PDB file of N, CA and C in Angstrom:
ATOM      1  N   UNK A   1     133.448  93.197 106.568  1.00  0.00           N
ATOM      2  CA  UNK A   1     134.376  92.110 106.325  1.00  0.00           C
ATOM      3  C   UNK A   1     135.041  92.331 104.969  1.00  0.00           C
ATOM      4  N   UNK A   2     136.343  92.336 104.922  1.00  0.00           N
ATOM      5  CA  UNK A   2     137.069  92.600 103.676  1.00  0.00           C
ATOM      6  C   UNK A   2     137.103  91.385 102.767  1.00  0.00           C
ATOM      7  N   UNK A   3     136.723  90.212 103.244  1.00  0.00           N
ATOM      8  CA  UNK A   3     136.733  89.001 102.443  1.00  0.00           C
ATOM      9  C   UNK A   3     135.385  88.707 101.781  1.00  0.00           C
ATOM     10  N   UNK A   4     134.488  89.668 101.745  1.00  0.00           N
ATOM     11  CA  UNK A   4     133.161  89.441 101.211  1.00  0.00           C
ATOM     12  C   UNK A   4     133.215  89.179  99.711  1.00  0.00           C
ATOM     13  N   UNK A   5     132.334  88.296  99.292  1.00  0.00           N
ATOM     14  CA  UNK A   5     132.167  87.985  97.871  1.00  0.00           C
ATOM     15  C   UNK A   5     131.260  89.026  97.258  1.00  0.00           C
ATOM     16  N   UNK A   6     131.526  89.425  96.025  1.00  0.00           N
ATOM     17  CA  UNK A   6     130.693  90.426  95.350  1.00  0.00           C
ATOM     18  C   UNK A   6     129.428  89.863  94.739  1.00  0.00           C
ATOM     19  N   UNK A   7     129.229  88.535  94.835  1.00  0.00           N
ATOM     20  CA  UNK A   7     128.018  87.956  94.252  1.00  0.00           C
ATOM     21  C   UNK A   7     126.802  88.378  95.045  1.00  0.00           C
ATOM     22  N   UNK A   8     125.686  88.393  94.380  1.00  0.00           N
ATOM     23  CA  UNK A   8     124.434  88.872  94.971  1.00  0.00           C
ATOM     24  C   UNK A   8     123.511  87.702  95.239  1.00  0.00           C
ATOM     25  N   UNK A   9     122.987  87.614  96.453  1.00  0.00           N
ATOM     26  CA  UNK A   9     121.997  86.594  96.806  1.00  0.00           C
ATOM     27  C   UNK A   9     120.750  87.311  97.271  1.00  0.00           C
ATOM     28  N   UNK A  10     119.615  86.960  96.662  1.00  0.00           N
ATOM     29  CA  UNK A  10     118.339  87.582  97.014  1.00  0.00           C
ATOM     30  C   UNK A  10     117.416  86.508  97.549  1.00  0.00           C
ATOM     31  N   UNK A  11     116.902  86.727  98.733  1.00  0.00           N
ATOM     32  CA  UNK A  11     115.931  85.793  99.324  1.00  0.00           C
ATOM     33  C   UNK A  11     114.658  86.586  99.539  1.00  0.00           C
ATOM     34  N   UNK A  12     113.552  86.092  98.924  1.00  0.00           N
ATOM     35  CA  UNK A  12     112.297  86.806  99.024  1.00  0.00           C
ATOM     36  C   UNK A  12     111.160  85.843  99.251  1.00  0.00           C
ATOM     37  N   UNK A  13     110.134  86.333  99.889  1.00  0.00           N
ATOM     38  CA  UNK A  13     108.884  85.619 100.034  1.00  0.00           C
ATOM     39  C   UNK A  13     107.819  86.498  99.385  1.00  0.00           C
ATOM     40  N   UNK A  14     107.204  86.013  98.310  1.00  0.00           N
ATOM     41  CA  UNK A  14     106.242  86.826  97.574  1.00  0.00           C
ATOM     42  C   UNK A  14     104.978  86.054  97.293  1.00  0.00           C
ATOM     43  N   UNK A  15     103.864  86.783  97.152  1.00  0.00           N
ATOM     44  CA  UNK A  15     102.607  86.167  96.702  1.00  0.00           C
ATOM     45  C   UNK A  15     102.761  85.849  95.225  1.00  0.00           C
ATOM     46  N   UNK A  16     102.624  84.603  94.872  1.00  0.00           N
ATOM     47  CA  UNK A  16     102.961  84.182  93.516  1.00  0.00           C
ATOM     48  C   UNK A  16     101.848  84.436  92.488  1.00  0.00           C
ATOM     49  N   UNK A  17     100.630  84.615  92.923  1.00  0.00           N
ATOM     50  CA  UNK A  17      99.561  84.775  91.957  1.00  0.00           C
ATOM     51  C   UNK A  17      99.657  86.065  91.173  1.00  0.00           C
ATOM     52  N   UNK A  18     100.323  87.045  91.731  1.00  0.00           N
ATOM     53  CA  UNK A  18     100.417  88.330  91.046  1.00  0.00           C
ATOM     54  C   UNK A  18     101.870  88.806  90.911  1.00  0.00           C
ATOM     55  N   UNK A  19     102.801  87.903  91.089  1.00  0.00           N
ATOM     56  CA  UNK A  19     104.219  88.274  91.069  1.00  0.00           C
ATOM     57  C   UNK A  19     104.759  88.403  89.663  1.00  0.00           C
ATOM     58  N   UNK A  20     105.605  89.400  89.479  1.00  0.00           N
ATOM     59  CA  UNK A  20     106.357  89.467  88.218  1.00  0.00           C
ATOM     60  C   UNK A  20     107.841  89.250  88.503  1.00  0.00           C
ATOM     61  N   UNK A  21     108.143  88.596  89.645  1.00  0.00           N
ATOM     62  CA  UNK A  21     109.517  88.305  90.051  1.00  0.00           C
ATOM     63  C   UNK A  21     109.956  86.898  89.678  1.00  0.00           C
ATOM     64  N   UNK A  22     109.007  86.085  89.197  1.00  0.00           N
ATOM     65  CA  UNK A  22     109.303  84.698  88.861  1.00  0.00           C
ATOM     66  C   UNK A  22     108.473  84.291  87.636  1.00  0.00           C
ATOM     67  N   UNK A  23     108.901  83.241  86.928  1.00  0.00           N
ATOM     68  CA  UNK A  23     108.106  82.755  85.806  1.00  0.00           C
ATOM     69  C   UNK A  23     106.885  81.981  86.328  1.00  0.00           C
ATOM     70  N   UNK A  24     105.719  82.560  86.211  1.00  0.00           N
ATOM     71  CA  UNK A  24     104.511  81.933  86.764  1.00  0.00           C
ATOM     72  C   UNK A  24     104.210  80.598  86.121  1.00  0.00           C
ATOM     73  N   UNK A  25     104.568  80.407  84.850  1.00  0.00           N
ATOM     74  CA  UNK A  25     104.305  79.117  84.205  1.00  0.00           C
ATOM     75  C   UNK A  25     105.048  77.991  84.937  1.00  0.00           C
ATOM     76  N   UNK A  26     106.278  78.232  85.343  1.00  0.00           N
ATOM     77  CA  UNK A  26     107.077  77.238  86.054  1.00  0.00           C
ATOM     78  C   UNK A  26     106.536  77.041  87.457  1.00  0.00           C
ATOM     79  N   UNK A  27     106.271  78.135  88.147  1.00  0.00           N
ATOM     80  CA  UNK A  27     105.772  78.071  89.526  1.00  0.00           C
ATOM     81  C   UNK A  27     104.441  77.316  89.575  1.00  0.00           C
ATOM     82  N   UNK A  28     103.536  77.645  88.684  1.00  0.00           N
ATOM     83  CA  UNK A  28     102.233  76.979  88.675  1.00  0.00           C
ATOM     84  C   UNK A  28     102.356  75.499  88.338  1.00  0.00           C
ATOM     85  N   UNK A  29     103.250  75.152  87.428  1.00  0.00           N
ATOM     86  CA  UNK A  29     103.453  73.744  87.084  1.00  0.00           C
ATOM     87  C   UNK A  29     103.951  72.959  88.285  1.00  0.00           C
ATOM     88  N   UNK A  30     104.950  73.480  88.967  1.00  0.00           N
ATOM     89  CA  UNK A  30     105.505  72.777  90.116  1.00  0.00           C
ATOM     90  C   UNK A  30     104.490  72.698  91.261  1.00  0.00           C
ATOM     91  N   UNK A  31     103.756  73.768  91.488  1.00  0.00           N
ATOM     92  CA  UNK A  31     102.715  73.756  92.523  1.00  0.00           C
ATOM     93  C   UNK A  31     101.627  72.743  92.211  1.00  0.00           C
ATOM     94  N   UNK A  32     101.270  72.628  90.933  1.00  0.00           N
ATOM     95  CA  UNK A  32     100.195  71.723  90.528  1.00  0.00           C
ATOM     96  C   UNK A  32     100.651  70.263  90.553  1.00  0.00           C
ATOM     97  N   UNK A  33     101.846  69.978  90.012  1.00  0.00           N
ATOM     98  CA  UNK A  33     102.295  68.605  89.876  1.00  0.00           C
ATOM     99  C   UNK A  33     103.097  68.095  91.063  1.00  0.00           C
ATOM    100  N   UNK A  34     103.599  69.018  91.865  1.00  0.00           N
ATOM    101  CA  UNK A  34     104.478  68.687  93.008  1.00  0.00           C
ATOM    102  C   UNK A  34     105.770  68.000  92.541  1.00  0.00           C
ATOM    103  N   UNK A  35     106.159  68.265  91.295  1.00  0.00           N
ATOM    104  CA  UNK A  35     107.381  67.718  90.717  1.00  0.00           C
ATOM    105  C   UNK A  35     108.392  68.829  90.480  1.00  0.00           C
ATOM    106  N   UNK A  36     109.649  68.602  90.806  1.00  0.00           N
ATOM    107  CA  UNK A  36     110.655  69.635  90.565  1.00  0.00           C
ATOM    108  C   UNK A  36     110.970  69.769  89.082  1.00  0.00           C
ATOM    109  N   UNK A  37     111.471  70.934  88.722  1.00  0.00           N
ATOM    110  CA  UNK A  37     111.888  71.224  87.347  1.00  0.00           C
ATOM    111  C   UNK A  37     113.318  71.732  87.388  1.00  0.00           C
ATOM    112  N   UNK A  38     114.161  71.190  86.518  1.00  0.00           N
ATOM    113  CA  UNK A  38     115.523  71.675  86.326  1.00  0.00           C
ATOM    114  C   UNK A  38     115.660  71.979  84.845  1.00  0.00           C
ATOM    115  N   UNK A  39     115.872  73.248  84.514  1.00  0.00           N
ATOM    116  CA  UNK A  39     116.008  73.653  83.122  1.00  0.00           C
ATOM    117  C   UNK A  39     117.425  74.219  82.893  1.00  0.00           C
ATOM    118  N   UNK A  40     118.107  73.628  81.949  1.00  0.00           N
ATOM    119  CA  UNK A  40     119.461  74.086  81.623  1.00  0.00           C
ATOM    120  C   UNK A  40     119.432  75.352  80.776  1.00  0.00           C
ATOM    121  N   UNK A  41     118.355  75.527  80.004  1.00  0.00           N
ATOM    122  CA  UNK A  41     118.220  76.705  79.135  1.00  0.00           C
ATOM    123  C   UNK A  41     116.743  77.100  79.123  1.00  0.00           C
ATOM    124  N   UNK A  42     116.337  77.916  80.034  1.00  0.00           N
ATOM    125  CA  UNK A  42     114.915  78.235  80.245  1.00  0.00           C
ATOM    126  C   UNK A  42     114.237  78.776  79.008  1.00  0.00           C
ATOM    127  N   UNK A  43     114.889  79.644  78.288  1.00  0.00           N
ATOM    128  CA  UNK A  43     114.241  80.280  77.137  1.00  0.00           C
ATOM    129  C   UNK A  43     113.935  79.282  76.024  1.00  0.00           C
ATOM    130  N   UNK A  44     114.671  78.184  75.976  1.00  0.00           N
ATOM    131  CA  UNK A  44     114.468  77.171  74.945  1.00  0.00           C
ATOM    132  C   UNK A  44     113.451  76.114  75.349  1.00  0.00           C
ATOM    133  N   UNK A  45     113.030  76.102  76.585  1.00  0.00           N
ATOM    134  CA  UNK A  45     112.080  75.079  77.042  1.00  0.00           C
ATOM    135  C   UNK A  45     110.649  75.484  76.732  1.00  0.00           C
ATOM    136  N   UNK A  46     109.867  74.562  76.222  1.00  0.00           N
ATOM    137  CA  UNK A  46     108.497  74.890  75.789  1.00  0.00           C
ATOM    138  C   UNK A  46     107.600  75.300  76.960  1.00  0.00           C
ATOM    139  N   UNK A  47     107.891  74.817  78.164  1.00  0.00           N
ATOM    140  CA  UNK A  47     107.067  75.158  79.325  1.00  0.00           C
ATOM    141  C   UNK A  47     107.074  76.675  79.591  1.00  0.00           C
ATOM    142  N   UNK A  48     108.226  77.312  79.428  1.00  0.00           N
ATOM    143  CA  UNK A  48     108.306  78.721  79.805  1.00  0.00           C
ATOM    144  C   UNK A  48     108.800  79.641  78.685  1.00  0.00           C
ATOM    145  N   UNK A  49     108.881  79.147  77.481  1.00  0.00           N
ATOM    146  CA  UNK A  49     109.409  79.967  76.377  1.00  0.00           C
ATOM    147  C   UNK A  49     108.550  81.193  76.098  1.00  0.00           C
ATOM    148  N   UNK A  50     107.269  81.153  76.453  1.00  0.00           N
ATOM    149  CA  UNK A  50     106.391  82.319  76.239  1.00  0.00           C
ATOM    150  C   UNK A  50     106.056  83.050  77.541  1.00  0.00           C
ATOM    151  N   UNK A  51     106.670  82.629  78.645  1.00  0.00           N
ATOM    152  CA  UNK A  51     106.409  83.265  79.925  1.00  0.00           C
ATOM    153  C   UNK A  51     106.954  84.683  79.899  1.00  0.00           C
ATOM    154  N   UNK A  52     106.133  85.692  80.291  1.00  0.00           N
ATOM    155  CA  UNK A  52     106.605  87.094  80.262  1.00  0.00           C
ATOM    156  C   UNK A  52     107.889  87.326  81.071  1.00  0.00           C
ATOM    157  N   UNK A  53     107.992  86.690  82.228  1.00  0.00           N
ATOM    158  CA  UNK A  53     109.195  86.882  83.044  1.00  0.00           C
ATOM    159  C   UNK A  53     110.429  86.351  82.311  1.00  0.00           C
ATOM    160  N   UNK A  54     110.318  85.149  81.734  1.00  0.00           N
ATOM    161  CA  UNK A  54     111.450  84.557  81.022  1.00  0.00           C
ATOM    162  C   UNK A  54     111.847  85.406  79.812  1.00  0.00           C
ATOM    163  N   UNK A  55     110.855  85.890  79.092  1.00  0.00           N
ATOM    164  CA  UNK A  55     111.139  86.716  77.920  1.00  0.00           C
ATOM    165  C   UNK A  55     111.817  88.038  78.306  1.00  0.00           C
ATOM    166  N   UNK A  56     111.462  88.579  79.455  1.00  0.00           N
ATOM    167  CA  UNK A  56     112.054  89.842  79.873  1.00  0.00           C
ATOM    168  C   UNK A  56     113.431  89.668  80.507  1.00  0.00           C
ATOM    169  N   UNK A  57     113.581  88.686  81.383  1.00  0.00           N
ATOM    170  CA  UNK A  57     114.821  88.536  82.162  1.00  0.00           C
ATOM    171  C   UNK A  57     115.828  87.545  81.598  1.00  0.00           C
ATOM    172  N   UNK A  58     115.365  86.658  80.700  1.00  0.00           N
ATOM    173  CA  UNK A  58     116.214  85.703  80.032  1.00  0.00           C
ATOM    174  C   UNK A  58     117.095  84.887  80.965  1.00  0.00           C
ATOM    175  N   UNK A  59     116.510  84.225  81.963  1.00  0.00           N
ATOM    176  CA  UNK A  59     117.347  83.398  82.845  1.00  0.00           C
ATOM    177  C   UNK A  59     117.951  82.247  82.054  1.00  0.00           C
ATOM    178  N   UNK A  60     119.209  81.954  82.324  1.00  0.00           N
ATOM    179  CA  UNK A  60     119.891  80.876  81.593  1.00  0.00           C
ATOM    180  C   UNK A  60     119.450  79.536  82.155  1.00  0.00           C
ATOM    181  N   UNK A  61     119.578  79.353  83.472  1.00  0.00           N
ATOM    182  CA  UNK A  61     119.233  78.113  84.134  1.00  0.00           C
ATOM    183  C   UNK A  61     118.218  78.409  85.201  1.00  0.00           C
ATOM    184  N   UNK A  62     117.333  77.439  85.464  1.00  0.00           N
ATOM    185  CA  UNK A  62     116.443  77.603  86.605  1.00  0.00           C
ATOM    186  C   UNK A  62     116.099  76.266  87.215  1.00  0.00           C
ATOM    187  N   UNK A  63     115.766  76.329  88.480  1.00  0.00           N
ATOM    188  CA  UNK A  63     115.363  75.155  89.236  1.00  0.00           C
ATOM    189  C   UNK A  63     114.197  75.570  90.110  1.00  0.00           C
ATOM    190  N   UNK A  64     113.175  74.756  90.117  1.00  0.00           N
ATOM    191  CA  UNK A  64     112.017  75.015  90.994  1.00  0.00           C
ATOM    192  C   UNK A  64     111.619  73.690  91.592  1.00  0.00           C
ATOM    193  N   UNK A  65     111.453  73.646  92.908  1.00  0.00           N
ATOM    194  CA  UNK A  65     111.110  72.394  93.602  1.00  0.00           C
ATOM    195  C   UNK A  65     110.067  72.656  94.668  1.00  0.00           C
ATOM    196  N   UNK A  66     109.149  71.691  94.850  1.00  0.00           N
ATOM    197  CA  UNK A  66     108.147  71.850  95.888  1.00  0.00           C
ATOM    198  C   UNK A  66     108.758  71.622  97.271  1.00  0.00           C
ATOM    199  N   UNK A  67     108.165  72.297  98.266  1.00  0.00           N
ATOM    200  CA  UNK A  67     108.520  72.064  99.664  1.00  0.00           C
ATOM    201  C   UNK A  67     107.345  71.317 100.260  1.00  0.00           C
ATOM    202  N   UNK A  68     107.597  70.075 100.666  1.00  0.00           N
ATOM    203  CA  UNK A  68     106.538  69.214 101.177  1.00  0.00           C
ATOM    204  C   UNK A  68     106.957  68.713 102.543  1.00  0.00           C
ATOM    205  N   UNK A  69     105.999  68.728 103.470  1.00  0.00           N
ATOM    206  CA  UNK A  69     106.242  68.208 104.840  1.00  0.00           C
ATOM    207  C   UNK A  69     105.121  67.248 105.177  1.00  0.00           C
ATOM    208  N   UNK A  70     105.504  66.008 105.436  1.00  0.00           N
ATOM    209  CA  UNK A  70     104.550  64.941 105.759  1.00  0.00           C
ATOM    210  C   UNK A  70     103.418  64.878 104.755  1.00  0.00           C
ATOM    211  N   UNK A  71     103.798  64.946 103.480  1.00  0.00           N
ATOM    212  CA  UNK A  71     102.823  64.846 102.389  1.00  0.00           C
ATOM    213  C   UNK A  71     102.028  66.105 102.106  1.00  0.00           C
ATOM    214  N   UNK A  72     102.267  67.155 102.884  1.00  0.00           N
ATOM    215  CA  UNK A  72     101.525  68.405 102.728  1.00  0.00           C
ATOM    216  C   UNK A  72     102.412  69.437 102.018  1.00  0.00           C
ATOM    217  N   UNK A  73     101.887  70.004 100.931  1.00  0.00           N
ATOM    218  CA  UNK A  73     102.587  71.042 100.198  1.00  0.00           C
ATOM    219  C   UNK A  73     102.561  72.332 101.005  1.00  0.00           C
ATOM    220  N   UNK A  74     103.756  72.854 101.334  1.00  0.00           N
ATOM    221  CA  UNK A  74     103.798  74.086 102.150  1.00  0.00           C
ATOM    222  C   UNK A  74     104.456  75.243 101.408  1.00  0.00           C
ATOM    223  N   UNK A  75     104.960  74.982 100.206  1.00  0.00           N
ATOM    224  CA  UNK A  75     105.565  76.072  99.457  1.00  0.00           C
ATOM    225  C   UNK A  75     106.460  75.509  98.366  1.00  0.00           C
ATOM    226  N   UNK A  76     107.291  76.372  97.812  1.00  0.00           N
ATOM    227  CA  UNK A  76     108.250  75.930  96.826  1.00  0.00           C
ATOM    228  C   UNK A  76     109.477  76.802  96.873  1.00  0.00           C
ATOM    229  N   UNK A  77     110.526  76.296  96.273  1.00  0.00           N
ATOM    230  CA  UNK A  77     111.771  77.059  96.192  1.00  0.00           C
ATOM    231  C   UNK A  77     112.102  77.253  94.729  1.00  0.00           C
ATOM    232  N   UNK A  78     112.522  78.470  94.388  1.00  0.00           N
ATOM    233  CA  UNK A  78     112.840  78.810  93.014  1.00  0.00           C
ATOM    234  C   UNK A  78     114.259  79.414  92.983  1.00  0.00           C
ATOM    235  N   UNK A  79     115.080  78.863  92.129  1.00  0.00           N
ATOM    236  CA  UNK A  79     116.447  79.370  91.944  1.00  0.00           C
ATOM    237  C   UNK A  79     116.660  79.614  90.461  1.00  0.00           C
ATOM    238  N   UNK A  80     117.400  80.657  90.150  1.00  0.00           N
ATOM    239  CA  UNK A  80     117.755  80.899  88.759  1.00  0.00           C
ATOM    240  C   UNK A  80     119.185  81.374  88.690  1.00  0.00           C
ATOM    241  N   UNK A  81     119.783  81.139  87.532  1.00  0.00           N
ATOM    242  CA  UNK A  81     121.130  81.602  87.265  1.00  0.00           C
ATOM    243  C   UNK A  81     121.092  82.331  85.931  1.00  0.00           C
ATOM    244  N   UNK A  82     121.479  83.563  85.937  1.00  0.00           N
ATOM    245  CA  UNK A  82     121.425  84.387  84.711  1.00  0.00           C
ATOM    246  C   UNK A  82     122.768  84.431  83.973  1.00  0.00           C
ATOM    247  N   UNK A  83     123.745  83.701  84.485  1.00  0.00           N
ATOM    248  CA  UNK A  83     125.081  83.755  83.885  1.00  0.00           C
ATOM    249  C   UNK A  83     125.452  82.498  83.096  1.00  0.00           C
ATOM    250  N   UNK A  84     124.985  81.326  83.546  1.00  0.00           N
ATOM    251  CA  UNK A  84     125.438  80.057  82.989  1.00  0.00           C
ATOM    252  C   UNK A  84     124.283  79.141  82.641  1.00  0.00           C
ATOM    253  N   UNK A  85     124.293  78.574  81.462  1.00  0.00           N
ATOM    254  CA  UNK A  85     123.326  77.521  81.121  1.00  0.00           C
ATOM    255  C   UNK A  85     123.768  76.241  81.824  1.00  0.00           C
ATOM    256  N   UNK A  86     122.829  75.459  82.273  1.00  0.00           N
ATOM    257  CA  UNK A  86     123.128  74.171  82.908  1.00  0.00           C
ATOM    258  C   UNK A  86     123.712  74.281  84.306  1.00  0.00           C
ATOM    259  N   UNK A  87     123.453  75.402  84.988  1.00  0.00           N
ATOM    260  CA  UNK A  87     124.005  75.591  86.334  1.00  0.00           C
ATOM    261  C   UNK A  87     123.434  74.609  87.336  1.00  0.00           C
ATOM    262  N   UNK A  88     122.201  74.177  87.129  1.00  0.00           N
ATOM    263  CA  UNK A  88     121.561  73.261  88.057  1.00  0.00           C
ATOM    264  C   UNK A  88     121.507  71.879  87.427  1.00  0.00           C
ATOM    265  N   UNK A  89     121.876  70.878  88.214  1.00  0.00           N
ATOM    266  CA  UNK A  89     121.924  69.506  87.749  1.00  0.00           C
ATOM    267  C   UNK A  89     121.036  68.645  88.629  1.00  0.00           C
ATOM    268  N   UNK A  90     120.831  67.402  88.193  1.00  0.00           N
ATOM    269  CA  UNK A  90     120.055  66.465  89.011  1.00  0.00           C
ATOM    270  C   UNK A  90     120.734  66.201  90.346  1.00  0.00           C
ATOM    271  N   UNK A  91     122.079  66.164  90.343  1.00  0.00           N
ATOM    272  CA  UNK A  91     122.816  65.975  91.604  1.00  0.00           C
ATOM    273  C   UNK A  91     122.565  67.162  92.554  1.00  0.00           C
ATOM    274  N   UNK A  92     122.591  68.352  92.031  1.00  0.00           N
ATOM    275  CA  UNK A  92     122.328  69.528  92.869  1.00  0.00           C
ATOM    276  C   UNK A  92     120.887  69.544  93.339  1.00  0.00           C
ATOM    277  N   UNK A  93     119.978  69.042  92.522  1.00  0.00           N
ATOM    278  CA  UNK A  93     118.589  68.927  92.934  1.00  0.00           C
ATOM    279  C   UNK A  93     118.461  67.973  94.111  1.00  0.00           C
ATOM    280  N   UNK A  94     119.178  66.878  94.107  1.00  0.00           N
ATOM    281  CA  UNK A  94     119.135  65.932  95.240  1.00  0.00           C
ATOM    282  C   UNK A  94     119.628  66.575  96.516  1.00  0.00           C
ATOM    283  N   UNK A  95     120.691  67.334  96.445  1.00  0.00           N
ATOM    284  CA  UNK A  95     121.206  68.049  97.626  1.00  0.00           C
ATOM    285  C   UNK A  95     120.181  69.064  98.090  1.00  0.00           C
ATOM    286  N   UNK A  96     119.590  69.786  97.148  1.00  0.00           N
ATOM    287  CA  UNK A  96     118.573  70.780  97.485  1.00  0.00           C
ATOM    288  C   UNK A  96     117.370  70.132  98.169  1.00  0.00           C
ATOM    289  N   UNK A  97     116.971  68.958  97.707  1.00  0.00           N
ATOM    290  CA  UNK A  97     115.840  68.251  98.329  1.00  0.00           C
ATOM    291  C   UNK A  97     116.125  67.960  99.808  1.00  0.00           C
ATOM    292  N   UNK A  98     117.350  67.585 100.113  1.00  0.00           N
ATOM    293  CA  UNK A  98     117.712  67.339 101.493  1.00  0.00           C
ATOM    294  C   UNK A  98     117.617  68.631 102.343  1.00  0.00           C
ATOM    295  N   UNK A  99     118.150  69.691 101.761  1.00  0.00           N
ATOM    296  CA  UNK A  99     118.114  70.975 102.471  1.00  0.00           C
ATOM    297  C   UNK A  99     116.677  71.483 102.628  1.00  0.00           C
ATOM    298  N   UNK A 100     115.875  71.341 101.576  1.00  0.00           N
ATOM    299  CA  UNK A 100     114.491  71.794 101.621  1.00  0.00           C
ATOM    300  C   UNK A 100     113.701  70.964 102.640  1.00  0.00           C
ATOM    301  N   UNK A 101     113.999  69.681 102.728  1.00  0.00           N
ATOM    302  CA  UNK A 101     113.343  68.831 103.724  1.00  0.00           C
ATOM    303  C   UNK A 101     113.613  69.316 105.143  1.00  0.00           C
ATOM    304  N   UNK A 102     114.846  69.697 105.406  1.00  0.00           N
ATOM    305  CA  UNK A 102     115.208  70.226 106.719  1.00  0.00           C
ATOM    306  C   UNK A 102     114.541  71.587 106.951  1.00  0.00           C
ATOM    307  N   UNK A 103     114.471  72.404 105.907  1.00  0.00           N
ATOM    308  CA  UNK A 103     113.816  73.715 106.020  1.00  0.00           C
ATOM    309  C   UNK A 103     112.325  73.536 106.305  1.00  0.00           C
ATOM    310  N   UNK A 104     111.701  72.551 105.670  1.00  0.00           N
ATOM    311  CA  UNK A 104     110.275  72.297 105.900  1.00  0.00           C
ATOM    312  C   UNK A 104     110.028  71.907 107.348  1.00  0.00           C
ATOM    313  N   UNK A 105     110.894  71.092 107.902  1.00  0.00           N
ATOM    314  CA  UNK A 105     110.764  70.711 109.321  1.00  0.00           C
ATOM    315  C   UNK A 105     110.922  71.946 110.197  1.00  0.00           C
ATOM    316  N   UNK A 106     111.888  72.794 109.897  1.00  0.00           N
ATOM    317  CA  UNK A 106     112.094  74.009 110.701  1.00  0.00           C
ATOM    318  C   UNK A 106     110.912  74.951 110.595  1.00  0.00           C
ATOM    319  N   UNK A 107     110.342  75.082 109.399  1.00  0.00           N
ATOM    320  CA  UNK A 107     109.172  75.954 109.216  1.00  0.00           C
ATOM    321  C   UNK A 107     107.990  75.443 110.028  1.00  0.00           C
ATOM    322  N   UNK A 108     107.723  74.149 109.957  1.00  0.00           N
ATOM    323  CA  UNK A 108     106.606  73.581 110.708  1.00  0.00           C
ATOM    324  C   UNK A 108     106.845  73.678 112.201  1.00  0.00           C
ATOM    325  N   UNK A 109     108.071  73.472 112.662  1.00  0.00           N
ATOM    326  CA  UNK A 109     108.369  73.617 114.087  1.00  0.00           C
ATOM    327  C   UNK A 109     108.179  75.070 114.534  1.00  0.00           C
ATOM    328  N   UNK A 110     108.545  76.012 113.702  1.00  0.00           N
ATOM    329  CA  UNK A 110     108.348  77.422 114.049  1.00  0.00           C
ATOM    330  C   UNK A 110     106.858  77.751 114.146  1.00  0.00           C
ATOM    331  N   UNK A 111     106.048  77.195 113.238  1.00  0.00           N
ATOM    332  CA  UNK A 111     104.607  77.422 113.289  1.00  0.00           C
ATOM    333  C   UNK A 111     104.020  76.836 114.573  1.00  0.00           C
ATOM    334  N   UNK A 112     104.463  75.638 114.926  1.00  0.00           N
ATOM    335  CA  UNK A 112     103.952  74.988 116.162  1.00  0.00           C
ATOM    336  C   UNK A 112     104.372  75.791 117.391  1.00  0.00           C
ATOM    337  N   UNK A 113     105.613  76.280 117.396  1.00  0.00           N
ATOM    338  CA  UNK A 113     106.092  77.056 118.539  1.00  0.00           C
ATOM    339  C   UNK A 113     105.290  78.356 118.685  1.00  0.00           C
ATOM    340  N   UNK A 114     104.998  79.016 117.571  1.00  0.00           N
ATOM    341  CA  UNK A 114     104.227  80.260 117.601  1.00  0.00           C
ATOM    342  C   UNK A 114     102.810  79.970 118.110  1.00  0.00           C
ATOM    343  N   UNK A 115     102.218  78.905 117.637  1.00  0.00           N
ATOM    344  CA  UNK A 115     100.870  78.528 118.088  1.00  0.00           C
ATOM    345  C   UNK A 115     100.860  78.252 119.579  1.00  0.00           C
ATOM    346  N   UNK A 116     101.881  77.567 120.050  1.00  0.00           N
ATOM    347  CA  UNK A 116     101.984  77.259 121.491  1.00  0.00           C
ATOM    348  C   UNK A 116     102.145  78.557 122.307  1.00  0.00           C
ATOM    349  N   UNK A 117     102.936  79.495 121.804  1.00  0.00           N
ATOM    350  CA  UNK A 117     103.096  80.778 122.499  1.00  0.00           C
ATOM    351  C   UNK A 117     101.785  81.526 122.570  1.00  0.00           C
ATOM    352  N   UNK A 118     101.028  81.522 121.461  1.00  0.00           N
ATOM    353  CA  UNK A 118      99.732  82.209 121.448  1.00  0.00           C
ATOM    354  C   UNK A 118      98.756  81.567 122.441  1.00  0.00           C
ATOM    355  N   UNK A 119      98.750  80.253 122.514  1.00  0.00           N
ATOM    356  CA  UNK A 119      97.872  79.562 123.459  1.00  0.00           C
ATOM    357  C   UNK A 119      98.273  79.863 124.901  1.00  0.00           C
ATOM    358  N   UNK A 120      99.557  79.894 125.153  1.00  0.00           N
ATOM    359  CA  UNK A 120     100.047  80.224 126.506  1.00  0.00           C
ATOM    360  C   UNK A 120      99.650  81.646 126.881  1.00  0.00           C
ATOM    361  N   UNK A 121      99.802  82.577 125.964  1.00  0.00           N
ATOM    362  CA  UNK A 121      99.427  83.956 126.224  1.00  0.00           C
ATOM    363  C   UNK A 121      97.937  84.072 126.506  1.00  0.00           C
ATOM    364  N   UNK A 122      97.118  83.397 125.697  1.00  0.00           N
ATOM    365  CA  UNK A 122      95.662  83.444 125.901  1.00  0.00           C
ATOM    366  C   UNK A 122      95.271  82.834 127.260  1.00  0.00           C
ATOM    367  N   UNK A 123      95.938  81.776 127.650  1.00  0.00           N
ATOM    368  CA  UNK A 123      95.682  81.158 128.938  1.00  0.00           C
ATOM    369  C   UNK A 123      96.075  82.096 130.074  1.00  0.00           C
ATOM    370  N   UNK A 124      97.179  82.765 129.940  1.00  0.00           N
ATOM    371  CA  UNK A 124      97.636  83.722 130.965  1.00  0.00           C
ATOM    372  C   UNK A 124      96.646  84.903 131.070  1.00  0.00           C
ATOM    373  N   UNK A 125      96.144  85.363 129.927  1.00  0.00           N
ATOM    374  CA  UNK A 125      95.173  86.432 129.924  1.00  0.00           C
ATOM    375  C   UNK A 125      93.861  86.045 130.604  1.00  0.00           C
ATOM    376  N   UNK A 126      93.402  84.850 130.318  1.00  0.00           N
ATOM    377  CA  UNK A 126      92.133  84.406 130.926  1.00  0.00           C
ATOM    378  C   UNK A 126      92.319  84.119 132.414  1.00  0.00           C
ATOM    379  N   UNK A 127      93.473  83.680 132.839  1.00  0.00           N
ATOM    380  CA  UNK A 127      93.725  83.472 134.269  1.00  0.00           C
ATOM    381  C   UNK A 127      93.837  84.796 135.010  1.00  0.00           C
ATOM    382  N   UNK A 128      94.380  85.817 134.342  1.00  0.00           N
ATOM    383  CA  UNK A 128      94.507  87.141 134.953  1.00  0.00           C
ATOM    384  C   UNK A 128      93.153  87.791 135.161  1.00  0.00           C
ATOM    385  N   UNK A 129      92.178  87.438 134.315  1.00  0.00           N
ATOM    386  CA  UNK A 129      90.833  88.026 134.442  1.00  0.00           C
ATOM    387  C   UNK A 129      90.067  87.285 135.514  1.00  0.00           C
TER     388      UNK A 129
END
């Protein structure tokens, strides 16, 4: 497509306990408190000013929010902007919460569908025997 934007979007799923792709101080805080964080200037914030990832990559803005479904923590979402301070606002966080809520429903539905497929397969196998 000749109308493609040159901006880069990276979507990853990583084990966070040993990741050097995100600031663990922020991730651990959000996972522990279940509260979102919006930082306009990450390097100046006391929560992550000494985080190795922040010191190396110098993200300008970051947002991290928990993904919760029916009161159950199922993950989190982390966004950063390396070009602009204050890229994430409380208004953008509210929009993100709506989108993350829909994503949580889709994730749980996919898990249920997979479980149902596995049960159906097991039932078919036991009937065949």
